[in-house]
Amino acid sequence: MTRGPVVTLDGPAGSGKSSTSRAVARALGFRHLDSGALYRALTYALIRSGTPESAWDGLTVDDLRALDVGTAPTSEGFEVLVDGRAVSAELRTEEVTSRVPHVARLEASRQALIELQRGAGAHGRLVTDGRDMGTVVFPDADVKVYLVADLEERARRRLRESGVPDPDAATLRAQMDALAARDRADSERDHAPLRMADGAHRIDTTGLDFDAQVRAIVDLVRRLTIP
């Protein structure tokens, strides 16, 4: 069904999915799809629409599709669009970030975005990351990877991304607790819970530097897809 491989990277928060998948796509000459950006765009569109958060649980798939979240292909990936306008910095505000987990737990939101994501992979040559890429969105992907790392390492990565390279013990513990809570929410949600897909290759990145984990996945893809 595809002209070229589809590669999925799933895993818990802080395991390195987004940055790694982007680098893997670049190394392979594939496009990269950041599924998390689509959920952020849907959250941004909901906030922008003025729909109160208390009403989000009652929204239908058609309600969410009417918010007009879309994508436009670029040479390396996809621009994310809301009402036909490219959005980027708008998706990283605290207002959006704090509400994305709520939106991602809604069955209607996952159904509203699934065809958009599958459309991005219709011609293959795609690397995509998320929490249900290999289990729900692309169950027939050519290569499925499940990235993991221990909780402390994931917390340190998240803090470095936030500009805290050397956290004190209390800050580190708070971030670990937040990630553990996110893990529970992702794994226990009713719709598309986080789990390792059938046939996925588990890669523990705890002891790997960034270049090493990218190489491991690129080598895996080439070994499994190049005759």
Protein backbone atom coordinates (compact mmCIF):
# COMPACT_ATOMS: atom_id res chain seq x y z
CA MET A 1 0.00 0.00 0.00
CA THR A 2 2.99 2.33 0.32
CA ARG A 3 5.89 3.39 -1.88
CA GLY A 4 8.63 3.19 0.70
CA PRO A 5 8.73 2.30 4.38
CA VAL A 6 6.72 3.78 7.22
CA VAL A 7 8.70 3.86 10.48
CA THR A 8 6.99 4.46 13.83
CA LEU A 9 8.61 5.51 17.11
CA ASP A 10 6.49 5.20 20.23
CA GLY A 11 7.34 5.48 23.89
CA PRO A 12 6.70 7.35 27.13
CA ALA A 13 7.26 11.06 27.65
CA GLY A 14 10.92 12.03 27.73
CA SER A 15 12.19 8.91 25.96
CA GLY A 16 13.53 11.02 23.08
CA LYS A 17 10.93 10.26 20.43
CA SER A 18 10.51 13.64 18.75
CA SER A 19 14.14 14.71 18.40
CA THR A 20 15.26 11.19 17.52
CA SER A 21 12.59 10.56 14.91
CA ARG A 22 13.32 13.89 13.25
CA ALA A 23 17.02 13.03 12.99
CA VAL A 24 16.25 9.50 11.76
CA ALA A 25 14.01 10.90 9.03
CA ARG A 26 16.73 13.32 7.95
CA ALA A 27 19.34 10.55 7.84
CA LEU A 28 17.07 8.33 5.74
CA GLY A 29 15.82 11.11 3.45
CA PHE A 30 12.23 10.54 4.66
CA ARG A 31 9.61 13.01 5.82
CA HIS A 32 8.96 13.41 9.54
CA LEU A 33 5.50 13.68 11.10
CA ASP A 34 5.25 14.93 14.68
CA SER A 35 1.92 13.56 15.86
CA GLY A 36 2.18 15.52 19.09
CA ALA A 37 2.11 18.76 17.10
CA LEU A 38 -1.28 17.75 15.68
CA TYR A 39 -2.74 17.29 19.17
CA ARG A 40 -1.25 20.62 20.14
CA ALA A 41 -2.84 22.20 17.07
CA LEU A 42 -6.21 20.71 17.96
CA THR A 43 -5.84 22.05 21.51
CA TYR A 44 -4.84 25.48 20.19
CA ALA A 45 -7.83 25.48 17.83
CA LEU A 46 -10.19 24.56 20.67
CA ILE A 47 -8.88 27.37 22.85
CA ARG A 48 -9.05 29.79 19.93
CA SER A 49 -12.64 28.76 19.19
CA GLY A 50 -13.74 29.88 22.65
CA THR A 51 -15.17 26.46 23.50
CA PRO A 52 -14.97 26.14 27.30
CA GLU A 53 -12.77 23.30 28.50
CA SER A 54 -15.68 21.96 30.54
CA ALA A 55 -17.45 21.18 27.23
CA TRP A 56 -14.56 19.39 25.50
CA ASP A 57 -15.52 15.91 26.68
CA GLY A 58 -18.88 16.22 24.91
CA LEU A 59 -17.50 17.25 21.51
CA THR A 60 -17.99 14.92 18.55
CA VAL A 61 -15.54 13.92 15.84
CA ASP A 62 -17.36 16.27 13.45
CA ASP A 63 -17.06 19.13 15.96
CA LEU A 64 -13.30 18.64 16.11
CA ARG A 65 -12.85 18.21 12.36
CA ALA A 66 -14.68 21.52 11.90
CA LEU A 67 -11.75 23.23 13.67
CA ASP A 68 -9.80 22.64 10.43
CA VAL A 69 -6.50 21.23 11.64
CA GLY A 70 -4.42 20.08 8.68
CA THR A 71 -0.93 19.57 7.30
CA ALA A 72 1.04 20.72 4.28
CA PRO A 73 4.05 18.70 3.08
CA THR A 74 7.51 20.27 3.07
CA SER A 75 10.82 18.87 1.88
CA GLU A 76 11.55 17.33 5.30
CA GLY A 77 8.17 16.99 6.96
CA PHE A 78 4.86 18.75 7.36
CA GLU A 79 3.71 22.19 8.35
CA VAL A 80 0.82 22.10 10.80
CA LEU A 81 -2.14 24.26 9.79
CA VAL A 82 -5.13 25.67 11.62
CA ASP A 83 -7.73 27.27 9.35
CA GLY A 84 -5.22 27.00 6.53
CA ARG A 85 -2.56 29.02 8.38
CA ALA A 86 0.77 27.54 9.46
CA VAL A 87 1.22 27.48 13.24
CA SER A 88 4.36 26.72 15.21
CA ALA A 89 5.24 28.91 18.20
CA GLU A 90 1.53 29.10 19.07
CA LEU A 91 1.60 25.37 19.84
CA ARG A 92 4.28 25.66 22.55
CA THR A 93 2.61 28.10 24.92
CA GLU A 94 1.89 27.03 28.49
CA GLU A 95 -1.83 27.47 27.81
CA VAL A 96 -1.66 24.80 25.10
CA THR A 97 0.89 22.54 26.82
CA SER A 98 -1.14 22.25 30.02
CA ARG A 99 -4.27 21.21 28.11
CA VAL A 100 -2.85 18.77 25.54
CA PRO A 101 -3.14 15.72 27.86
CA HIS A 102 -6.88 16.38 28.22
CA VAL A 103 -7.35 16.57 24.44
CA ALA A 104 -5.18 13.50 23.78
CA ARG A 105 -7.32 11.38 26.11
CA LEU A 106 -10.51 12.07 24.13
CA GLU A 107 -11.60 9.32 21.75
CA ALA A 108 -13.14 11.94 19.45
CA SER A 109 -9.84 13.79 19.09
CA ARG A 110 -7.95 10.62 18.21
CA GLN A 111 -10.58 9.72 15.62
CA ALA A 112 -10.55 13.25 14.22
CA LEU A 113 -6.80 13.09 13.59
CA ILE A 114 -6.23 9.48 12.55
CA GLU A 115 -7.04 9.91 8.85
CA LEU A 116 -4.91 13.05 8.71
CA GLN A 117 -1.97 11.09 10.09
CA ARG A 118 -2.55 8.13 7.79
CA GLY A 119 -2.76 10.47 4.84
CA ALA A 120 0.71 11.74 5.65
CA GLY A 121 2.00 8.18 5.34
CA ALA A 122 0.03 7.21 2.26
CA HIS A 123 3.14 7.21 0.05
CA GLY A 124 5.52 5.84 2.64
CA ARG A 125 9.02 7.20 3.28
CA LEU A 126 7.75 8.51 6.62
CA VAL A 127 9.09 8.53 10.16
CA THR A 128 6.50 9.40 12.79
CA ASP A 129 6.49 9.49 16.56
CA GLY A 130 3.89 9.42 19.30
CA ARG A 131 2.26 7.04 21.74
CA ASP A 132 -0.01 5.00 19.46
CA MET A 133 1.69 5.22 16.06
CA GLY A 134 2.58 1.54 15.87
CA THR A 135 -0.49 0.22 17.69
CA VAL A 136 -3.35 2.26 16.19
CA VAL A 137 -2.38 4.74 13.48
CA PHE A 138 0.07 2.60 11.48
CA PRO A 139 -0.43 -0.97 12.72
CA ASP A 140 1.09 -2.29 9.47
CA ALA A 141 4.18 -0.04 9.58
CA ASP A 142 7.28 -1.57 8.05
CA VAL A 143 9.42 -0.85 11.13
CA LYS A 144 8.12 -0.20 14.64
CA VAL A 145 10.38 1.07 17.40
CA TYR A 146 9.52 1.46 21.08
CA LEU A 147 11.90 3.82 22.86
CA VAL A 148 12.36 3.63 26.62
CA ALA A 149 14.66 5.20 29.20
CA ASP A 150 14.70 5.07 32.97
CA LEU A 151 12.62 7.64 34.83
CA GLU A 152 15.51 9.72 36.18
CA GLU A 153 17.12 9.99 32.75
CA ARG A 154 13.85 11.08 31.18
CA ALA A 155 13.37 13.69 33.90
CA ARG A 156 16.87 15.07 33.34
CA ARG A 157 16.22 15.32 29.61
CA ARG A 158 12.99 17.21 30.14
CA LEU A 159 14.69 19.63 32.51
CA ARG A 160 17.57 20.21 30.07
CA GLU A 161 15.02 21.02 27.38
CA SER A 162 13.53 23.57 29.80
CA GLY A 163 16.91 25.20 30.43
CA VAL A 164 17.73 23.42 33.71
CA PRO A 165 20.90 21.40 32.95
CA ASP A 166 21.89 20.77 36.59
CA PRO A 167 18.74 20.42 38.71
CA ASP A 168 18.76 20.13 42.47
CA ALA A 169 17.28 17.02 44.08
CA ALA A 170 13.87 18.57 44.73
CA THR A 171 13.48 19.82 41.16
CA LEU A 172 14.54 16.46 39.75
CA ARG A 173 12.12 14.58 42.02
CA ALA A 174 9.26 16.88 41.04
CA GLN A 175 9.93 16.25 37.35
CA MET A 176 10.18 12.49 37.94
CA ASP A 177 6.84 12.53 39.75
CA ALA A 178 5.25 14.50 36.90
CA LEU A 179 6.53 12.02 34.32
CA ALA A 180 5.39 9.05 36.38
CA ALA A 181 1.91 10.55 36.57
CA ARG A 182 1.94 11.11 32.79
CA ASP A 183 3.04 7.49 32.27
CA ARG A 184 0.10 6.26 34.33
CA ALA A 185 -2.36 8.48 32.47
CA ASP A 186 -1.05 7.41 29.06
CA SER A 187 -0.97 3.70 29.93
CA GLU A 188 -4.35 3.59 31.65
CA ARG A 189 -6.44 5.76 29.33
CA ASP A 190 -9.42 4.07 27.72
CA HIS A 191 -8.59 4.99 24.14
CA ALA A 192 -5.31 4.01 22.44
CA PRO A 193 -3.31 3.50 25.64
CA LEU A 194 0.46 3.59 25.50
CA ARG A 195 1.90 0.13 24.97
CA MET A 196 4.55 -1.53 22.84
CA ALA A 197 3.13 -2.57 19.48
CA ASP A 198 3.23 -6.16 18.30
CA GLY A 199 6.47 -6.68 16.40
CA ALA A 200 8.09 -3.51 17.74
CA HIS A 201 11.80 -3.31 18.47
CA ARG A 202 12.47 -2.08 22.01
CA ILE A 203 15.45 0.26 22.33
CA ASP A 204 16.56 1.49 25.75
CA THR A 205 18.19 4.90 25.29
CA THR A 206 19.25 5.38 28.92
CA GLY A 207 22.91 4.74 28.23
CA LEU A 208 22.99 6.01 24.65
CA ASP A 209 23.95 9.47 23.50
CA PHE A 210 21.78 11.10 20.86
CA ASP A 211 23.90 10.14 17.85
CA ALA A 212 24.08 6.53 19.01
CA GLN A 213 20.33 6.12 19.33
CA VAL A 214 19.78 7.70 15.91
CA ARG A 215 22.34 5.34 14.37
CA ALA A 216 20.72 2.33 16.03
CA ILE A 217 17.35 3.10 14.47
CA VAL A 218 18.73 4.06 11.06
CA ASP A 219 20.71 0.81 10.94
CA LEU A 220 17.61 -1.15 11.97
CA VAL A 221 15.47 0.44 9.25
CA ARG A 222 18.07 -0.19 6.58
CA ARG A 223 18.58 -3.78 7.68
CA LEU A 224 14.85 -4.54 7.63
CA THR A 225 13.78 -2.63 4.52
CA ILE A 226 16.67 -2.62 2.06
CA PRO A 227 17.01 -5.90 0.13
